[in-house]
Amino acid sequence: AVTKHRDPATIAFDELKTKNEQLVLENLNYRCNAPRLHAAIVRFSCSWKDMRGGLERDLRLFTRVLHQGTQKLVLACDQHQAKARDELSFATERCSALEEALGERVEEVQKLEIELGEEKEKAKRKSEMYKDMKDAFEEERARAEKCKNEADRCSHDIAELRG
Protein backbone atom coordinates (compact mmCIF):
# COMPACT_ATOMS: atom_id res chain seq x y z
CA ALA A 1 0.00 0.00 0.00
CA VAL A 2 1.19 3.48 -0.83
CA THR A 3 1.01 5.94 2.05
CA LYS A 4 -0.38 9.34 1.23
CA HIS A 5 1.71 12.39 2.03
CA ARG A 6 0.59 15.95 1.55
CA ASP A 7 2.46 17.34 -1.36
CA PRO A 8 3.59 21.02 -1.18
CA ALA A 9 1.56 21.70 -4.31
CA THR A 10 -1.55 20.23 -2.65
CA ILE A 11 -0.95 22.34 0.46
CA ALA A 12 -0.49 25.45 -1.69
CA PHE A 13 -3.65 24.57 -3.64
CA ASP A 14 -5.61 24.19 -0.39
CA GLU A 15 -4.29 27.54 0.87
CA LEU A 16 -5.19 29.23 -2.40
CA LYS A 17 -8.62 27.63 -2.34
CA THR A 18 -9.19 28.91 1.22
CA LYS A 19 -7.99 32.41 0.26
CA ASN A 20 -10.25 32.31 -2.81
CA GLU A 21 -13.24 31.41 -0.64
CA GLN A 22 -12.42 34.27 1.74
CA LEU A 23 -12.17 36.70 -1.15
CA VAL A 24 -15.48 35.50 -2.58
CA LEU A 25 -17.13 35.99 0.83
CA GLU A 26 -15.67 39.48 1.11
CA ASN A 27 -16.91 40.25 -2.39
CA LEU A 28 -20.40 39.04 -1.53
CA ASN A 29 -20.29 41.08 1.68
CA TYR A 30 -19.38 44.18 -0.33
CA ARG A 31 -22.12 43.49 -2.86
CA CYS A 32 -24.73 42.90 -0.15
CA ASN A 33 -23.78 45.94 1.94
CA ALA A 34 -23.40 48.46 -0.88
CA PRO A 35 -27.16 48.63 -1.67
CA ARG A 36 -28.04 48.87 2.04
CA LEU A 37 -25.54 51.64 2.56
CA HIS A 38 -26.83 53.41 -0.52
CA ALA A 39 -30.41 53.19 0.74
CA ALA A 40 -29.46 54.51 4.16
CA ILE A 41 -27.63 57.43 2.63
CA VAL A 42 -30.57 58.26 0.40
CA ARG A 43 -32.96 58.26 3.38
CA PHE A 44 -30.59 60.40 5.37
CA SER A 45 -30.06 62.88 2.52
CA CYS A 46 -33.82 63.21 2.02
CA SER A 47 -34.10 64.41 5.59
CA TRP A 48 -31.23 66.80 5.29
CA LYS A 49 -31.30 68.38 1.90
CA ASP A 50 -28.19 70.46 2.46
CA MET A 51 -26.04 67.29 2.92
CA ARG A 52 -27.51 65.45 -0.02
CA GLY A 53 -24.98 66.60 -2.61
CA GLY A 54 -22.01 65.64 -0.44
CA LEU A 55 -23.46 62.29 0.46
CA GLU A 56 -24.28 61.45 -3.16
CA ARG A 57 -20.74 62.34 -4.16
CA ASP A 58 -19.38 60.17 -1.35
CA LEU A 59 -21.68 57.33 -2.32
CA ARG A 60 -20.57 57.48 -5.96
CA LEU A 61 -16.95 57.50 -4.81
CA PHE A 62 -17.60 54.57 -2.48
CA THR A 63 -19.37 52.67 -5.26
CA ARG A 64 -16.53 53.36 -7.70
CA VAL A 65 -13.93 52.28 -5.12
CA LEU A 66 -16.01 49.23 -4.29
CA HIS A 67 -16.32 48.38 -7.96
CA GLN A 68 -12.55 48.77 -8.43
CA GLY A 69 -11.90 46.66 -5.31
CA THR A 70 -14.28 44.01 -6.55
CA GLN A 71 -12.55 43.93 -9.93
CA LYS A 72 -9.20 43.56 -8.19
CA LEU A 73 -10.59 40.74 -6.05
CA VAL A 74 -12.01 38.96 -9.08
CA LEU A 75 -8.70 39.35 -10.91
CA ALA A 76 -6.78 38.07 -7.87
CA CYS A 77 -9.18 35.12 -7.56
CA ASP A 78 -8.74 34.28 -11.24
CA GLN A 79 -4.96 34.48 -10.94
CA HIS A 80 -4.94 32.31 -7.82
CA GLN A 81 -7.22 29.78 -9.47
CA ALA A 82 -5.02 29.65 -12.58
CA LYS A 83 -1.92 29.19 -10.44
CA ALA A 84 -3.67 26.51 -8.38
CA ARG A 85 -4.72 24.68 -11.57
CA ASP A 86 -1.13 24.78 -12.85
CA GLU A 87 0.23 23.51 -9.55
CA LEU A 88 -2.43 20.81 -9.40
CA SER A 89 -1.57 19.74 -12.94
CA PHE A 90 2.13 19.58 -12.07
CA ALA A 91 1.42 17.67 -8.86
CA THR A 92 -0.84 15.23 -10.71
CA GLU A 93 1.82 14.59 -13.35
CA ARG A 94 4.46 14.12 -10.65
CA CYS A 95 2.21 11.69 -8.73
CA SER A 96 1.56 9.73 -11.92
CA ALA A 97 5.29 9.50 -12.61
CA LEU A 98 5.97 8.39 -9.03
CA GLU A 99 3.20 5.80 -9.19
CA GLU A 100 4.62 4.45 -12.44
CA ALA A 101 8.13 4.28 -10.95
CA LEU A 102 6.74 2.58 -7.86
CA GLY A 103 4.94 0.04 -10.04
CA GLU A 104 8.19 -0.71 -11.86
CA ARG A 105 10.03 -1.13 -8.54
CA VAL A 106 7.32 -3.45 -7.24
CA GLU A 107 7.61 -5.59 -10.38
CA GLU A 108 11.39 -5.67 -9.98
CA VAL A 109 11.11 -6.68 -6.32
CA GLN A 110 8.60 -9.39 -7.21
CA LYS A 111 10.96 -10.77 -9.88
CA LEU A 112 13.85 -10.70 -7.40
CA GLU A 113 11.71 -12.48 -4.82
CA ILE A 114 10.90 -15.20 -7.37
CA GLU A 115 14.60 -15.51 -8.28
CA LEU A 116 15.53 -15.65 -4.60
CA GLY A 117 12.97 -18.40 -4.03
CA GLU A 118 14.41 -20.36 -6.96
CA GLU A 119 17.94 -19.88 -5.64
CA LYS A 120 16.86 -21.03 -2.18
CA GLU A 121 15.27 -24.12 -3.73
CA LYS A 122 18.47 -24.84 -5.70
CA ALA A 123 20.57 -24.39 -2.56
CA LYS A 124 18.23 -26.70 -0.64
CA ARG A 125 18.49 -29.37 -3.36
CA LYS A 126 22.29 -28.99 -3.46
CA SER A 127 22.42 -29.26 0.32
CA GLU A 128 20.32 -32.42 0.20
CA MET A 129 22.54 -33.84 -2.58
CA TYR A 130 25.65 -32.98 -0.54
CA LYS A 131 24.14 -34.70 2.51
CA ASP A 132 23.25 -37.76 0.41
CA MET A 133 26.76 -37.81 -1.08
CA LYS A 134 28.30 -37.42 2.37
CA ASP A 135 26.14 -40.25 3.73
CA ALA A 136 27.09 -42.45 0.73
CA PHE A 137 30.77 -41.52 1.20
CA GLU A 138 30.56 -42.43 4.91
CA GLU A 139 28.94 -45.75 4.00
CA GLU A 140 31.67 -46.42 1.44
CA ARG A 141 34.36 -45.46 3.96
CA ALA A 142 32.78 -47.78 6.51
CA ARG A 143 32.67 -50.61 3.91
CA ALA A 144 36.23 -49.88 2.87
CA GLU A 145 37.32 -49.95 6.55
CA LYS A 146 35.40 -53.19 7.00
CA CYS A 147 36.99 -54.67 3.86
CA LYS A 148 40.45 -53.53 5.00
CA ASN A 149 39.90 -55.07 8.41
CA GLU A 150 38.65 -58.24 6.77
CA ALA A 151 41.63 -58.22 4.36
CA ASP A 152 44.00 -57.69 7.31
CA ARG A 153 42.35 -60.52 9.16
CA CYS A 154 42.54 -62.73 6.06
CA SER A 155 46.21 -61.79 5.62
CA HIS A 156 46.80 -62.61 9.27
CA ASP A 157 44.96 -65.93 8.91
CA ILE A 158 46.98 -66.76 5.76
CA ALA A 159 50.17 -65.85 7.57
CA GLU A 160 49.26 -68.12 10.47
CA LEU A 161 48.45 -70.94 8.09
CA ARG A 162 51.76 -70.55 6.34
CA GLY A 163 53.68 -70.10 9.28
C-alpha atoms as a PDB file:
ATOM      1  CA  ALA A   1       0.000   0.000   0.000  1.00  0.00           C
ATOM      2  CA  VAL A   2       1.194   3.481  -0.829  1.00  0.00           C
ATOM      3  CA  THR A   3       1.005   5.943   2.051  1.00  0.00           C
ATOM      4  CA  LYS A   4      -0.377   9.339   1.231  1.00  0.00           C
ATOM      5  CA  HIS A   5       1.710  12.387   2.029  1.00  0.00           C
ATOM      6  CA  ARG A   6       0.589  15.953   1.548  1.00  0.00           C
ATOM      7  CA  ASP A   7       2.463  17.339  -1.364  1.00  0.00           C
ATOM      8  CA  PRO A   8       3.587  21.019  -1.181  1.00  0.00           C
ATOM      9  CA  ALA A   9       1.557  21.698  -4.313  1.00  0.00           C
ATOM     10  CA  THR A  10      -1.549  20.230  -2.646  1.00  0.00           C
ATOM     11  CA  ILE A  11      -0.952  22.338   0.456  1.00  0.00           C
ATOM     12  CA  ALA A  12      -0.491  25.448  -1.691  1.00  0.00           C
ATOM     13  CA  PHE A  13      -3.648  24.573  -3.636  1.00  0.00           C
ATOM     14  CA  ASP A  14      -5.613  24.192  -0.389  1.00  0.00           C
ATOM     15  CA  GLU A  15      -4.289  27.544   0.867  1.00  0.00           C
ATOM     16  CA  LEU A  16      -5.193  29.234  -2.400  1.00  0.00           C
ATOM     17  CA  LYS A  17      -8.624  27.632  -2.339  1.00  0.00           C
ATOM     18  CA  THR A  18      -9.190  28.911   1.223  1.00  0.00           C
ATOM     19  CA  LYS A  19      -7.991  32.406   0.262  1.00  0.00           C
ATOM     20  CA  ASN A  20     -10.252  32.311  -2.807  1.00  0.00           C
ATOM     21  CA  GLU A  21     -13.245  31.406  -0.643  1.00  0.00           C
ATOM     22  CA  GLN A  22     -12.424  34.265   1.740  1.00  0.00           C
ATOM     23  CA  LEU A  23     -12.168  36.697  -1.151  1.00  0.00           C
ATOM     24  CA  VAL A  24     -15.483  35.496  -2.582  1.00  0.00           C
ATOM     25  CA  LEU A  25     -17.129  35.987   0.833  1.00  0.00           C
ATOM     26  CA  GLU A  26     -15.668  39.482   1.115  1.00  0.00           C
ATOM     27  CA  ASN A  27     -16.911  40.252  -2.386  1.00  0.00           C
ATOM     28  CA  LEU A  28     -20.396  39.044  -1.529  1.00  0.00           C
ATOM     29  CA  ASN A  29     -20.292  41.080   1.678  1.00  0.00           C
ATOM     30  CA  TYR A  30     -19.383  44.183  -0.329  1.00  0.00           C
ATOM     31  CA  ARG A  31     -22.122  43.492  -2.859  1.00  0.00           C
ATOM     32  CA  CYS A  32     -24.727  42.901  -0.147  1.00  0.00           C
ATOM     33  CA  ASN A  33     -23.779  45.939   1.935  1.00  0.00           C
ATOM     34  CA  ALA A  34     -23.402  48.456  -0.883  1.00  0.00           C
ATOM     35  CA  PRO A  35     -27.155  48.628  -1.671  1.00  0.00           C
ATOM     36  CA  ARG A  36     -28.040  48.872   2.035  1.00  0.00           C
ATOM     37  CA  LEU A  37     -25.541  51.639   2.564  1.00  0.00           C
ATOM     38  CA  HIS A  38     -26.827  53.413  -0.518  1.00  0.00           C
ATOM     39  CA  ALA A  39     -30.415  53.192   0.736  1.00  0.00           C
ATOM     40  CA  ALA A  40     -29.464  54.508   4.160  1.00  0.00           C
ATOM     41  CA  ILE A  41     -27.628  57.432   2.632  1.00  0.00           C
ATOM     42  CA  VAL A  42     -30.575  58.262   0.397  1.00  0.00           C
ATOM     43  CA  ARG A  43     -32.963  58.259   3.375  1.00  0.00           C
ATOM     44  CA  PHE A  44     -30.594  60.400   5.366  1.00  0.00           C
ATOM     45  CA  SER A  45     -30.055  62.876   2.517  1.00  0.00           C
ATOM     46  CA  CYS A  46     -33.816  63.208   2.017  1.00  0.00           C
ATOM     47  CA  SER A  47     -34.101  64.413   5.593  1.00  0.00           C
ATOM     48  CA  TRP A  48     -31.235  66.804   5.293  1.00  0.00           C
ATOM     49  CA  LYS A  49     -31.296  68.383   1.900  1.00  0.00           C
ATOM     50  CA  ASP A  50     -28.194  70.460   2.459  1.00  0.00           C
ATOM     51  CA  MET A  51     -26.036  67.288   2.924  1.00  0.00           C
ATOM     52  CA  ARG A  52     -27.513  65.452  -0.023  1.00  0.00           C
ATOM     53  CA  GLY A  53     -24.983  66.601  -2.610  1.00  0.00           C
ATOM     54  CA  GLY A  54     -22.012  65.642  -0.438  1.00  0.00           C
ATOM     55  CA  LEU A  55     -23.457  62.291   0.455  1.00  0.00           C
ATOM     56  CA  GLU A  56     -24.282  61.450  -3.159  1.00  0.00           C
ATOM     57  CA  ARG A  57     -20.744  62.335  -4.160  1.00  0.00           C
ATOM     58  CA  ASP A  58     -19.377  60.168  -1.345  1.00  0.00           C
ATOM     59  CA  LEU A  59     -21.679  57.333  -2.320  1.00  0.00           C
ATOM     60  CA  ARG A  60     -20.567  57.479  -5.957  1.00  0.00           C
ATOM     61  CA  LEU A  61     -16.952  57.499  -4.808  1.00  0.00           C
ATOM     62  CA  PHE A  62     -17.595  54.568  -2.480  1.00  0.00           C
ATOM     63  CA  THR A  63     -19.368  52.674  -5.260  1.00  0.00           C
ATOM     64  CA  ARG A  64     -16.528  53.362  -7.701  1.00  0.00           C
ATOM     65  CA  VAL A  65     -13.933  52.280  -5.124  1.00  0.00           C
ATOM     66  CA  LEU A  66     -16.011  49.234  -4.287  1.00  0.00           C
ATOM     67  CA  HIS A  67     -16.320  48.382  -7.962  1.00  0.00           C
ATOM     68  CA  GLN A  68     -12.551  48.767  -8.429  1.00  0.00           C
ATOM     69  CA  GLY A  69     -11.901  46.664  -5.310  1.00  0.00           C
ATOM     70  CA  THR A  70     -14.281  44.015  -6.555  1.00  0.00           C
ATOM     71  CA  GLN A  71     -12.553  43.935  -9.926  1.00  0.00           C
ATOM     72  CA  LYS A  72      -9.195  43.555  -8.191  1.00  0.00           C
ATOM     73  CA  LEU A  73     -10.591  40.740  -6.047  1.00  0.00           C
ATOM     74  CA  VAL A  74     -12.014  38.958  -9.077  1.00  0.00           C
ATOM     75  CA  LEU A  75      -8.699  39.346 -10.912  1.00  0.00           C
ATOM     76  CA  ALA A  76      -6.781  38.068  -7.869  1.00  0.00           C
ATOM     77  CA  CYS A  77      -9.181  35.117  -7.565  1.00  0.00           C
ATOM     78  CA  ASP A  78      -8.739  34.277 -11.240  1.00  0.00           C
ATOM     79  CA  GLN A  79      -4.959  34.481 -10.939  1.00  0.00           C
ATOM     80  CA  HIS A  80      -4.941  32.309  -7.820  1.00  0.00           C
ATOM     81  CA  GLN A  81      -7.221  29.779  -9.474  1.00  0.00           C
ATOM     82  CA  ALA A  82      -5.020  29.649 -12.580  1.00  0.00           C
ATOM     83  CA  LYS A  83      -1.920  29.192 -10.442  1.00  0.00           C
ATOM     84  CA  ALA A  84      -3.666  26.509  -8.380  1.00  0.00           C
ATOM     85  CA  ARG A  85      -4.720  24.678 -11.567  1.00  0.00           C
ATOM     86  CA  ASP A  86      -1.129  24.782 -12.852  1.00  0.00           C
ATOM     87  CA  GLU A  87       0.235  23.510  -9.551  1.00  0.00           C
ATOM     88  CA  LEU A  88      -2.425  20.809  -9.400  1.00  0.00           C
ATOM     89  CA  SER A  89      -1.574  19.737 -12.938  1.00  0.00           C
ATOM     90  CA  PHE A  90       2.129  19.580 -12.068  1.00  0.00           C
ATOM     91  CA  ALA A  91       1.416  17.667  -8.858  1.00  0.00           C
ATOM     92  CA  THR A  92      -0.842  15.233 -10.706  1.00  0.00           C
ATOM     93  CA  GLU A  93       1.817  14.586 -13.349  1.00  0.00           C
ATOM     94  CA  ARG A  94       4.456  14.120 -10.650  1.00  0.00           C
ATOM     95  CA  CYS A  95       2.214  11.690  -8.734  1.00  0.00           C
ATOM     96  CA  SER A  96       1.563   9.726 -11.923  1.00  0.00           C
ATOM     97  CA  ALA A  97       5.292   9.504 -12.611  1.00  0.00           C
ATOM     98  CA  LEU A  98       5.975   8.389  -9.029  1.00  0.00           C
ATOM     99  CA  GLU A  99       3.196   5.796  -9.189  1.00  0.00           C
ATOM    100  CA  GLU A 100       4.623   4.451 -12.439  1.00  0.00           C
ATOM    101  CA  ALA A 101       8.132   4.284 -10.951  1.00  0.00           C
ATOM    102  CA  LEU A 102       6.738   2.579  -7.860  1.00  0.00           C
ATOM    103  CA  GLY A 103       4.942   0.036 -10.041  1.00  0.00           C
ATOM    104  CA  GLU A 104       8.192  -0.714 -11.858  1.00  0.00           C
ATOM    105  CA  ARG A 105      10.026  -1.128  -8.544  1.00  0.00           C
ATOM    106  CA  VAL A 106       7.315  -3.449  -7.242  1.00  0.00           C
ATOM    107  CA  GLU A 107       7.611  -5.588 -10.380  1.00  0.00           C
ATOM    108  CA  GLU A 108      11.394  -5.667  -9.978  1.00  0.00           C
ATOM    109  CA  VAL A 109      11.107  -6.680  -6.321  1.00  0.00           C
ATOM    110  CA  GLN A 110       8.600  -9.394  -7.210  1.00  0.00           C
ATOM    111  CA  LYS A 111      10.958 -10.774  -9.882  1.00  0.00           C
ATOM    112  CA  LEU A 112      13.846 -10.704  -7.398  1.00  0.00           C
ATOM    113  CA  GLU A 113      11.707 -12.480  -4.815  1.00  0.00           C
ATOM    114  CA  ILE A 114      10.899 -15.201  -7.371  1.00  0.00           C
ATOM    115  CA  GLU A 115      14.596 -15.511  -8.276  1.00  0.00           C
ATOM    116  CA  LEU A 116      15.525 -15.645  -4.599  1.00  0.00           C
ATOM    117  CA  GLY A 117      12.967 -18.397  -4.028  1.00  0.00           C
ATOM    118  CA  GLU A 118      14.406 -20.360  -6.960  1.00  0.00           C
ATOM    119  CA  GLU A 119      17.944 -19.883  -5.644  1.00  0.00           C
ATOM    120  CA  LYS A 120      16.856 -21.028  -2.180  1.00  0.00           C
ATOM    121  CA  GLU A 121      15.267 -24.117  -3.730  1.00  0.00           C
ATOM    122  CA  LYS A 122      18.471 -24.840  -5.703  1.00  0.00           C
ATOM    123  CA  ALA A 123      20.570 -24.389  -2.558  1.00  0.00           C
ATOM    124  CA  LYS A 124      18.227 -26.695  -0.642  1.00  0.00           C
ATOM    125  CA  ARG A 125      18.486 -29.366  -3.359  1.00  0.00           C
ATOM    126  CA  LYS A 126      22.288 -28.993  -3.462  1.00  0.00           C
ATOM    127  CA  SER A 127      22.419 -29.260   0.319  1.00  0.00           C
ATOM    128  CA  GLU A 128      20.320 -32.424   0.199  1.00  0.00           C
ATOM    129  CA  MET A 129      22.535 -33.841  -2.584  1.00  0.00           C
ATOM    130  CA  TYR A 130      25.651 -32.981  -0.543  1.00  0.00           C
ATOM    131  CA  LYS A 131      24.141 -34.702   2.505  1.00  0.00           C
ATOM    132  CA  ASP A 132      23.250 -37.762   0.406  1.00  0.00           C
ATOM    133  CA  MET A 133      26.756 -37.808  -1.085  1.00  0.00           C
ATOM    134  CA  LYS A 134      28.298 -37.419   2.372  1.00  0.00           C
ATOM    135  CA  ASP A 135      26.142 -40.248   3.731  1.00  0.00           C
ATOM    136  CA  ALA A 136      27.095 -42.448   0.733  1.00  0.00           C
ATOM    137  CA  PHE A 137      30.769 -41.524   1.198  1.00  0.00           C
ATOM    138  CA  GLU A 138      30.560 -42.426   4.912  1.00  0.00           C
ATOM    139  CA  GLU A 139      28.940 -45.753   4.002  1.00  0.00           C
ATOM    140  CA  GLU A 140      31.674 -46.421   1.440  1.00  0.00           C
ATOM    141  CA  ARG A 141      34.356 -45.462   3.956  1.00  0.00           C
ATOM    142  CA  ALA A 142      32.780 -47.778   6.512  1.00  0.00           C
ATOM    143  CA  ARG A 143      32.670 -50.614   3.911  1.00  0.00           C
ATOM    144  CA  ALA A 144      36.232 -49.877   2.872  1.00  0.00           C
ATOM    145  CA  GLU A 145      37.318 -49.954   6.548  1.00  0.00           C
ATOM    146  CA  LYS A 146      35.402 -53.190   7.004  1.00  0.00           C
ATOM    147  CA  CYS A 147      36.989 -54.672   3.857  1.00  0.00           C
ATOM    148  CA  LYS A 148      40.447 -53.531   4.998  1.00  0.00           C
ATOM    149  CA  ASN A 149      39.904 -55.070   8.414  1.00  0.00           C
ATOM    150  CA  GLU A 150      38.653 -58.236   6.767  1.00  0.00           C
ATOM    151  CA  ALA A 151      41.626 -58.219   4.355  1.00  0.00           C
ATOM    152  CA  ASP A 152      44.002 -57.689   7.308  1.00  0.00           C
ATOM    153  CA  ARG A 153      42.351 -60.523   9.158  1.00  0.00           C
ATOM    154  CA  CYS A 154      42.541 -62.727   6.064  1.00  0.00           C
ATOM    155  CA  SER A 155      46.209 -61.795   5.623  1.00  0.00           C
ATOM    156  CA  HIS A 156      46.800 -62.609   9.274  1.00  0.00           C
ATOM    157  CA  ASP A 157      44.963 -65.931   8.909  1.00  0.00           C
ATOM    158  CA  ILE A 158      46.985 -66.760   5.762  1.00  0.00           C
ATOM    159  CA  ALA A 159      50.172 -65.847   7.566  1.00  0.00           C
ATOM    160  CA  GLU A 160      49.261 -68.122  10.471  1.00  0.00           C
ATOM    161  CA  LEU A 161      48.446 -70.935   8.095  1.00  0.00           C
ATOM    162  CA  ARG A 162      51.765 -70.548   6.342  1.00  0.00           C
ATOM    163  CA  GLY A 163      53.678 -70.096   9.280  1.00  0.00           C
END
